[in-house]
N, C-alpha and C. Protein backbone atom coordinates (compact mmCIF):
# COMPACT_ATOMS: atom_id res chain seq x y z
N UNK A 1 0.84 -1.16 0.00
CA UNK A 1 0.00 0.00 0.00
C UNK A 1 0.89 1.23 0.00
N UNK A 2 0.69 2.18 -0.94
CA UNK A 2 1.54 3.37 -1.00
C UNK A 2 1.29 4.28 0.19
N UNK A 3 2.37 4.90 0.65
CA UNK A 3 2.22 5.82 1.77
C UNK A 3 1.75 7.17 1.26
N UNK A 4 1.05 7.87 2.11
CA UNK A 4 0.55 9.20 1.78
C UNK A 4 1.62 10.21 2.15
N UNK A 5 2.19 10.96 1.18
CA UNK A 5 3.26 11.90 1.50
C UNK A 5 2.77 13.10 2.31
N UNK A 6 1.48 13.38 2.27
CA UNK A 6 0.92 14.50 3.02
C UNK A 6 0.05 13.92 4.12
N UNK A 7 0.45 14.16 5.33
CA UNK A 7 -0.29 13.64 6.46
C UNK A 7 -0.90 14.80 7.23
N UNK A 8 -2.20 14.69 7.51
CA UNK A 8 -2.85 15.73 8.31
C UNK A 8 -3.51 15.08 9.50
N UNK A 9 -3.60 15.83 10.56
CA UNK A 9 -4.22 15.30 11.77
C UNK A 9 -5.73 15.29 11.61
N UNK A 10 -6.40 14.57 12.48
CA UNK A 10 -7.86 14.52 12.42
C UNK A 10 -8.46 15.89 12.73
N UNK A 11 -7.80 16.69 13.57
CA UNK A 11 -8.29 18.04 13.87
C UNK A 11 -8.21 18.91 12.62
N UNK A 12 -7.10 18.79 11.88
CA UNK A 12 -6.97 19.56 10.64
C UNK A 12 -8.00 19.12 9.62
N UNK A 13 -8.22 17.82 9.52
CA UNK A 13 -9.21 17.30 8.59
C UNK A 13 -10.60 17.79 8.97
N UNK A 14 -10.87 17.83 10.25
CA UNK A 14 -12.17 18.31 10.72
C UNK A 14 -12.39 19.77 10.37
N UNK A 15 -11.34 20.60 10.58
CA UNK A 15 -11.44 22.03 10.23
C UNK A 15 -11.65 22.21 8.74
N UNK A 16 -10.93 21.43 7.95
CA UNK A 16 -11.08 21.51 6.49
C UNK A 16 -12.49 21.10 6.09
N UNK A 17 -12.98 20.04 6.69
CA UNK A 17 -14.32 19.57 6.38
C UNK A 17 -15.37 20.62 6.77
N UNK A 18 -15.20 21.25 7.91
CA UNK A 18 -16.13 22.28 8.36
C UNK A 18 -16.09 23.48 7.43
N UNK A 19 -14.89 23.86 6.97
CA UNK A 19 -14.76 24.97 6.02
C UNK A 19 -15.44 24.63 4.70
N UNK A 20 -15.23 23.42 4.22
CA UNK A 20 -15.85 22.97 2.97
C UNK A 20 -17.36 22.98 3.09
N UNK A 21 -17.86 22.51 4.23
CA UNK A 21 -19.31 22.48 4.46
C UNK A 21 -19.87 23.89 4.51
N UNK A 22 -19.17 24.78 5.19
CA UNK A 22 -19.60 26.17 5.29
C UNK A 22 -19.65 26.82 3.91
N UNK A 23 -18.64 26.57 3.10
CA UNK A 23 -18.61 27.12 1.75
C UNK A 23 -19.75 26.55 0.91
N UNK A 24 -19.98 25.26 1.02
CA UNK A 24 -21.06 24.63 0.27
C UNK A 24 -22.41 25.24 0.64
N UNK A 25 -22.63 25.48 1.93
CA UNK A 25 -23.89 26.05 2.38
C UNK A 25 -24.06 27.46 1.81
N UNK A 26 -22.99 28.25 1.82
CA UNK A 26 -23.06 29.61 1.26
C UNK A 26 -23.38 29.57 -0.23
N UNK A 27 -22.77 28.64 -0.95
CA UNK A 27 -23.02 28.51 -2.39
C UNK A 27 -24.48 28.13 -2.64
N UNK A 28 -24.99 27.19 -1.87
CA UNK A 28 -26.39 26.77 -2.02
C UNK A 28 -27.33 27.93 -1.73
N UNK A 29 -27.06 28.67 -0.66
CA UNK A 29 -27.91 29.81 -0.29
C UNK A 29 -27.91 30.86 -1.40
N UNK A 30 -26.74 31.18 -1.92
CA UNK A 30 -26.66 32.18 -3.00
C UNK A 30 -27.38 31.70 -4.25
N UNK A 31 -27.22 30.44 -4.58
CA UNK A 31 -27.89 29.89 -5.75
C UNK A 31 -29.40 29.91 -5.57
N UNK A 32 -29.86 29.55 -4.38
CA UNK A 32 -31.29 29.54 -4.07
C UNK A 32 -31.85 30.96 -4.18
N UNK A 33 -31.13 31.93 -3.62
CA UNK A 33 -31.56 33.32 -3.68
C UNK A 33 -31.63 33.80 -5.13
N UNK A 34 -30.60 33.53 -5.91
CA UNK A 34 -30.59 33.95 -7.31
C UNK A 34 -31.73 33.31 -8.09
N UNK A 35 -32.00 32.04 -7.82
CA UNK A 35 -33.08 31.34 -8.50
C UNK A 35 -34.44 31.96 -8.15
N UNK A 36 -34.64 32.25 -6.88
CA UNK A 36 -35.90 32.89 -6.47
C UNK A 36 -36.07 34.25 -7.13
N UNK A 37 -34.99 35.05 -7.10
CA UNK A 37 -35.06 36.40 -7.68
C UNK A 37 -35.30 36.33 -9.19
N UNK A 38 -34.64 35.40 -9.86
CA UNK A 38 -34.82 35.29 -11.32
C UNK A 38 -36.20 34.74 -11.67
N UNK A 39 -36.87 34.12 -10.69
CA UNK A 39 -38.23 33.61 -10.90
C UNK A 39 -39.29 34.65 -10.55
N UNK A 40 -38.84 35.84 -10.20
CA UNK A 40 -39.79 36.93 -9.97
C UNK A 40 -40.10 37.24 -8.52
N UNK A 41 -39.51 36.52 -7.59
CA UNK A 41 -39.75 36.82 -6.17
C UNK A 41 -38.98 38.07 -5.77
N UNK A 42 -39.63 38.90 -4.98
CA UNK A 42 -39.01 40.14 -4.50
C UNK A 42 -38.18 39.85 -3.26
N UNK A 43 -37.32 40.79 -2.88
CA UNK A 43 -36.59 40.60 -1.62
C UNK A 43 -37.52 40.40 -0.42
N UNK A 44 -38.68 41.05 -0.44
CA UNK A 44 -39.64 40.85 0.66
C UNK A 44 -40.18 39.42 0.67
N UNK A 45 -40.41 38.85 -0.50
CA UNK A 45 -40.85 37.45 -0.58
C UNK A 45 -39.78 36.52 -0.01
N UNK A 46 -38.54 36.78 -0.41
CA UNK A 46 -37.43 35.94 0.06
C UNK A 46 -37.27 36.07 1.57
N UNK A 47 -37.44 37.26 2.08
CA UNK A 47 -37.36 37.47 3.53
C UNK A 47 -38.48 36.72 4.25
N UNK A 48 -39.69 36.76 3.70
CA UNK A 48 -40.82 36.03 4.30
C UNK A 48 -40.54 34.52 4.29
N UNK A 49 -39.99 34.03 3.19
CA UNK A 49 -39.62 32.61 3.11
C UNK A 49 -38.57 32.27 4.16
N UNK A 50 -37.57 33.13 4.29
CA UNK A 50 -36.50 32.90 5.27
C UNK A 50 -37.06 32.87 6.69
N UNK A 51 -37.97 33.78 6.97
CA UNK A 51 -38.59 33.83 8.30
C UNK A 51 -39.36 32.54 8.58
N UNK A 52 -40.08 32.06 7.59
CA UNK A 52 -40.83 30.81 7.75
C UNK A 52 -39.89 29.63 7.96
N UNK A 53 -38.79 29.58 7.22
CA UNK A 53 -37.82 28.50 7.39
C UNK A 53 -37.22 28.53 8.80
N UNK A 54 -36.90 29.73 9.28
CA UNK A 54 -36.34 29.84 10.64
C UNK A 54 -37.35 29.36 11.66
N UNK A 55 -38.62 29.69 11.47
CA UNK A 55 -39.67 29.23 12.40
C UNK A 55 -39.76 27.71 12.39
N UNK A 56 -39.72 27.10 11.23
CA UNK A 56 -39.79 25.64 11.15
C UNK A 56 -38.59 24.98 11.81
N UNK A 57 -37.42 25.54 11.61
CA UNK A 57 -36.21 25.00 12.23
C UNK A 57 -36.29 25.16 13.75
N UNK A 58 -36.77 26.30 14.20
CA UNK A 58 -36.92 26.54 15.64
C UNK A 58 -37.86 25.51 16.26
N UNK A 59 -38.95 25.22 15.59
CA UNK A 59 -39.88 24.20 16.09
C UNK A 59 -39.21 22.83 16.17
N UNK A 60 -38.44 22.48 15.14
CA UNK A 60 -37.71 21.20 15.16
C UNK A 60 -36.72 21.14 16.32
N UNK A 61 -36.01 22.23 16.54
CA UNK A 61 -35.03 22.25 17.63
C UNK A 61 -35.71 22.14 18.99
N UNK A 62 -36.83 22.80 19.14
CA UNK A 62 -37.58 22.70 20.41
C UNK A 62 -38.06 21.28 20.65
N UNK A 63 -38.55 20.64 19.57
CA UNK A 63 -39.00 19.24 19.70
C UNK A 63 -37.84 18.34 20.10
N UNK A 64 -36.69 18.57 19.49
CA UNK A 64 -35.51 17.74 19.78
C UNK A 64 -35.06 17.96 21.23
N UNK A 65 -35.14 19.20 21.72
CA UNK A 65 -34.75 19.49 23.11
C UNK A 65 -35.73 18.85 24.09
N UNK A 66 -36.99 18.70 23.70
CA UNK A 66 -38.00 18.14 24.58
C UNK A 66 -37.83 16.64 24.76
N UNK A 67 -37.12 16.01 23.86
CA UNK A 67 -36.94 14.55 23.93
C UNK A 67 -35.97 14.14 24.97
């Protein structure tokens, strides 16, 4: 089995993974926003959608905390 010339610790891998995930989320959010705007939704519509999503997530988190 060939050795890996670049060795990183699990902490470094975790930070890299978290950065990659954060970047992916930002890209998805920007793409979603652009898609909504190009489909005719106004910034107020997007804000209303965002508010509703936050409410749904909050409810999920409360349910999870209650368990």
